[in-house]
Amino acid sequence: MGRDGSMVERVIESEYMNETFTINIYRPENYSPLYKYHLCIVQDGDDYYQLGRLARVSDKLHGEGKIENTIFCGIHYQDRDDRWHKYHPDSDMQENYMKFLRFEVVPVLDKELPSYHVKSCRVLMGDSLGGTVSLMTALKYPNTFGKVIMQSPYTDERVESLVKESDEIDTMSIYHTIGLDEEEVETTYGDIEDFLNPNRSLQQLLTESVSDYTYKELEGKHTWKQWQKDLPNALEHIFGK
């Protein structure tokens, strides 16, 4: 099945991460430098394209006129261990990864793509730990990123404290989901953790502090089956006309 849109790659030599990243950029069918676009920076990029069927979902929503012109920019990880170090709040590399998003990815995208160059049109998206680092990056750089999509994010006291400390979170738009069968999730290194109840706790905080906040508890486990099914809803909510 052919795609309506087009995929292009951009390489970023990151000084913060001391690594070369390939950003997979998916542009909608009628892409033109004459138009302006919303930008969605996607953690777990290859997973969203392959398991989440992001390109197909984008084609469908654009084709049906359900979302504004949006370009998706997928950033992937090397392996599970590398992913943990980039995304987890306790890791040694997460701080630099957030700087990479803000000071290396955004300038390249703003220069190369016809975007609006305002925070309300820059979105961070991710699942599990990818959702965690998306929220934390938006909280750290609220003048750059105005919207977050997080599917089944890992959350802990550190994440909650960042929410409590943020002066800008009330101006953000956040779409947040968790599965009802996520009380026993096997994490990167084999531990079993409860995701559901910490997400309920986070939801209470976000409800109090974010004016444009959507929270859903969905049927399903901590898997792509759940996230893929809800992805069209998430995108339509954040990018809808």
Protein backbone atom coordinates (compact mmCIF):
# COMPACT_ATOMS: atom_id res chain seq x y z
CA MET A 1 0.00 0.00 0.00
CA GLY A 2 1.56 3.27 -1.11
CA ARG A 3 1.93 6.34 1.01
CA ASP A 4 0.31 9.64 0.22
CA GLY A 5 2.96 11.68 1.98
CA SER A 6 6.74 11.57 1.61
CA MET A 7 9.55 10.59 3.98
CA VAL A 8 12.84 12.45 4.02
CA GLU A 9 15.84 12.03 6.29
CA ARG A 10 17.94 14.64 8.03
CA VAL A 11 21.16 13.87 9.87
CA ILE A 12 22.08 15.78 13.02
CA GLU A 13 25.55 15.54 14.54
CA SER A 14 24.75 16.08 18.20
CA GLU A 15 27.35 17.70 20.40
CA TYR A 16 25.21 17.20 23.50
CA MET A 17 24.86 13.46 22.90
CA ASN A 18 28.14 12.88 21.03
CA GLU A 19 26.12 10.88 18.51
CA THR A 20 24.84 11.08 14.95
CA PHE A 21 21.04 11.02 14.73
CA THR A 22 18.91 10.40 11.66
CA ILE A 23 15.56 12.19 11.86
CA ASN A 24 12.82 10.59 9.74
CA ILE A 25 10.55 13.41 8.59
CA TYR A 26 7.11 12.55 7.22
CA ARG A 27 5.45 15.29 5.20
CA PRO A 28 1.79 15.21 4.13
CA GLU A 29 0.72 14.63 0.54
CA ASN A 30 0.36 18.23 -0.61
CA TYR A 31 3.51 19.39 1.13
CA SER A 32 4.75 22.76 -0.09
CA PRO A 33 7.21 25.31 1.31
CA LEU A 34 4.46 27.86 0.64
CA TYR A 35 2.34 26.44 3.47
CA LYS A 36 2.99 26.51 7.20
CA TYR A 37 3.05 23.33 9.29
CA HIS A 38 2.71 22.15 12.85
CA LEU A 39 5.71 20.08 13.97
CA CYS A 40 5.41 16.87 15.98
CA ILE A 41 8.73 15.62 17.36
CA VAL A 42 8.32 11.91 18.04
CA GLN A 43 10.39 9.86 20.51
CA ASP A 44 10.57 6.13 19.64
CA GLY A 45 10.30 7.32 16.03
CA ASP A 46 10.74 3.99 14.24
CA ASP A 47 8.28 2.32 16.62
CA TYR A 48 5.66 4.98 15.87
CA TYR A 49 6.18 4.56 12.12
CA GLN A 50 6.27 0.75 12.15
CA LEU A 51 4.13 -0.35 15.09
CA GLY A 52 1.97 2.77 15.42
CA ARG A 53 1.50 3.10 11.62
CA LEU A 54 2.04 6.83 12.03
CA ALA A 55 2.49 7.60 8.31
CA ARG A 56 -0.77 5.81 7.44
CA VAL A 57 -2.63 7.57 10.26
CA SER A 58 -1.23 10.91 9.08
CA ASP A 59 -2.33 10.19 5.49
CA LYS A 60 -5.85 9.30 6.63
CA LEU A 61 -6.34 12.30 8.94
CA HIS A 62 -4.90 14.77 6.43
CA GLY A 63 -6.90 13.18 3.61
CA GLU A 64 -10.13 13.50 5.57
CA GLY A 65 -9.33 17.09 6.53
CA LYS A 66 -9.43 16.25 10.24
CA ILE A 67 -6.09 17.77 11.25
CA GLU A 68 -4.11 20.90 10.43
CA ASN A 69 -1.05 20.56 8.19
CA THR A 70 1.41 18.60 10.34
CA ILE A 71 4.91 17.24 9.80
CA PHE A 72 6.09 14.31 11.95
CA CYS A 73 9.76 14.09 12.88
CA GLY A 74 10.74 10.69 14.28
CA ILE A 75 13.84 10.24 16.43
CA HIS A 76 14.82 6.69 17.30
CA TYR A 77 17.06 4.98 19.85
CA GLN A 78 19.83 2.40 19.34
CA ASP A 79 18.59 -0.34 21.68
CA ARG A 80 16.63 -0.78 24.92
CA ASP A 81 19.55 0.17 27.11
CA ASP A 82 20.27 3.31 25.06
CA ARG A 83 16.58 4.21 25.20
CA TRP A 84 16.54 4.01 29.01
CA HIS A 85 19.57 6.29 29.26
CA LYS A 86 18.05 8.90 26.95
CA TYR A 87 14.51 8.92 28.34
CA HIS A 88 14.50 7.89 32.02
CA PRO A 89 14.42 10.59 34.74
CA ASP A 90 17.09 8.72 36.75
CA SER A 91 19.55 8.37 33.89
CA ASP A 92 22.82 10.18 33.30
CA MET A 93 21.95 11.20 29.73
CA GLN A 94 18.37 12.47 29.93
CA GLU A 95 19.39 16.07 30.65
CA ASN A 96 21.58 16.17 27.55
CA TYR A 97 18.90 14.48 25.46
CA MET A 98 16.45 17.23 26.40
CA LYS A 99 19.04 19.85 25.42
CA PHE A 100 19.54 17.98 22.13
CA LEU A 101 15.80 18.28 21.41
CA ARG A 102 15.69 21.97 22.28
CA PHE A 103 18.99 23.31 20.96
CA GLU A 104 19.86 20.95 18.10
CA VAL A 105 16.66 19.38 16.72
CA VAL A 106 14.38 22.44 16.86
CA PRO A 107 16.79 24.84 15.08
CA VAL A 108 17.35 22.32 12.26
CA LEU A 109 13.61 21.74 11.80
CA ASP A 110 12.80 25.46 12.02
CA LYS A 111 15.43 26.20 9.39
CA GLU A 112 14.49 23.39 6.99
CA LEU A 113 10.73 23.15 7.35
CA PRO A 114 8.05 25.83 6.86
CA SER A 115 6.78 25.81 10.44
CA TYR A 116 5.07 28.48 12.50
CA HIS A 117 8.08 28.90 14.84
CA VAL A 118 5.83 29.25 17.89
CA LYS A 119 5.48 26.95 20.88
CA SER A 120 1.78 26.25 20.31
CA CYS A 121 2.68 24.58 17.01
CA ARG A 122 5.50 22.42 18.39
CA VAL A 123 4.44 19.11 19.91
CA LEU A 124 6.43 16.40 21.68
CA MET A 125 5.05 12.85 21.51
CA GLY A 126 6.05 9.51 22.99
CA ASP A 127 4.97 6.25 24.58
CA SER A 128 6.06 4.93 27.99
CA LEU A 129 9.49 6.49 28.78
CA GLY A 130 9.21 8.41 25.50
CA GLY A 131 6.11 10.08 26.93
CA THR A 132 7.98 10.84 30.13
CA VAL A 133 10.86 12.62 28.42
CA SER A 134 8.39 14.48 26.18
CA LEU A 135 6.56 15.92 29.20
CA MET A 136 9.78 16.72 31.06
CA THR A 137 11.28 18.48 28.03
CA ALA A 138 8.16 20.61 27.58
CA LEU A 139 8.26 21.54 31.27
CA LYS A 140 11.94 22.43 31.02
CA TYR A 141 11.53 24.49 27.81
CA PRO A 142 7.95 25.78 27.94
CA ASN A 143 8.68 28.68 25.58
CA THR A 144 9.69 26.20 22.87
CA PHE A 145 7.19 23.35 23.23
CA GLY A 146 3.51 24.01 23.92
CA LYS A 147 1.87 20.60 23.48
CA VAL A 148 2.49 17.02 24.61
CA ILE A 149 1.06 13.64 23.64
CA MET A 150 2.02 10.94 26.15
CA GLN A 151 0.76 7.39 25.93
CA SER A 152 1.24 5.33 29.11
CA PRO A 153 4.13 7.45 30.42
CA TYR A 154 6.36 6.29 33.24
CA THR A 155 5.90 8.69 36.13
CA ASP A 156 7.41 9.11 39.59
CA GLU A 157 7.92 11.74 42.30
CA ARG A 158 10.49 13.59 40.20
CA VAL A 159 8.03 13.99 37.32
CA GLU A 160 5.31 15.14 39.73
CA SER A 161 7.61 17.68 41.34
CA LEU A 162 8.43 19.17 37.92
CA VAL A 163 4.71 19.56 37.25
CA LYS A 164 4.21 21.28 40.62
CA GLU A 165 7.16 23.62 40.07
CA SER A 166 6.23 24.69 36.52
CA ASP A 167 4.99 28.26 36.07
CA GLU A 168 4.00 27.71 32.44
CA ILE A 169 2.16 24.40 32.47
CA ASP A 170 -1.27 26.05 32.54
CA THR A 171 -0.70 27.34 28.98
CA MET A 172 0.10 23.89 27.56
CA SER A 173 -2.11 21.34 25.80
CA ILE A 174 -1.60 17.79 27.06
CA TYR A 175 -3.13 14.51 25.83
CA HIS A 176 -2.51 11.68 28.31
CA THR A 177 -3.59 8.02 28.23
CA ILE A 178 -3.04 4.93 30.36
CA GLY A 179 -4.27 1.36 30.02
CA LEU A 180 -6.47 -0.23 32.67
CA ASP A 181 -4.29 -3.36 32.55
CA GLU A 182 -1.07 -1.52 33.38
CA GLU A 183 -0.71 -2.35 37.06
CA GLU A 184 2.04 -4.89 36.38
CA VAL A 185 4.36 -3.69 33.62
CA GLU A 186 7.73 -5.30 32.93
CA THR A 187 10.25 -2.48 32.56
CA THR A 188 13.54 -2.27 30.63
CA TYR A 189 15.59 -4.24 33.13
CA GLY A 190 12.96 -6.80 34.09
CA ASP A 191 11.37 -5.10 37.10
CA ILE A 192 7.59 -5.19 37.46
CA GLU A 193 6.08 -1.76 38.10
CA ASP A 194 2.61 -0.30 38.51
CA PHE A 195 1.97 2.31 35.81
CA LEU A 196 -1.78 2.76 36.29
CA ASN A 197 -1.92 4.24 39.79
CA PRO A 198 1.05 6.63 39.40
CA ASN A 199 -0.61 7.89 36.20
CA ARG A 200 -3.84 8.46 38.12
CA SER A 201 -1.84 10.48 40.62
CA LEU A 202 -0.24 12.48 37.81
CA GLN A 203 -3.69 13.01 36.29
CA GLN A 204 -4.91 14.68 39.48
CA LEU A 205 -2.01 17.11 39.38
CA LEU A 206 -2.42 17.88 35.68
CA THR A 207 -6.17 18.37 36.01
CA GLU A 208 -5.49 21.07 38.61
CA SER A 209 -2.76 22.84 36.64
CA VAL A 210 -3.44 22.45 32.89
CA SER A 211 -6.41 24.21 31.29
CA ASP A 212 -6.32 22.19 28.05
CA TYR A 213 -5.85 18.67 29.41
CA THR A 214 -7.32 15.39 28.16
CA TYR A 215 -6.93 12.16 30.12
CA LYS A 216 -8.24 8.74 29.12
CA GLU A 217 -8.10 5.33 30.71
CA LEU A 218 -8.22 2.80 27.89
CA GLU A 219 -8.74 -0.92 27.61
CA GLY A 220 -5.43 -2.67 27.25
CA LYS A 221 -1.92 -3.42 28.41
CA HIS A 222 1.38 -1.53 28.09
CA THR A 223 1.68 -2.40 24.40
CA TRP A 224 1.53 -0.95 20.91
CA LYS A 225 -1.84 -2.60 20.38
CA GLN A 226 -3.32 -0.03 22.79
CA TRP A 227 -1.22 2.94 21.61
CA GLN A 228 -1.77 2.33 17.91
CA LYS A 229 -5.51 2.07 18.37
CA ASP A 230 -5.65 5.44 20.15
CA LEU A 231 -3.12 7.27 17.98
CA PRO A 232 -5.72 8.75 15.56
CA ASN A 233 -7.66 10.13 18.56
CA ALA A 234 -4.50 11.63 20.04
CA LEU A 235 -3.48 13.35 16.81
CA GLU A 236 -6.96 14.60 16.05
CA HIS A 237 -7.25 16.03 19.54
CA ILE A 238 -3.94 17.91 19.41
CA PHE A 239 -3.86 18.86 15.72
CA GLY A 240 -7.59 18.91 14.95
CA LYS A 241 -9.17 21.73 12.97
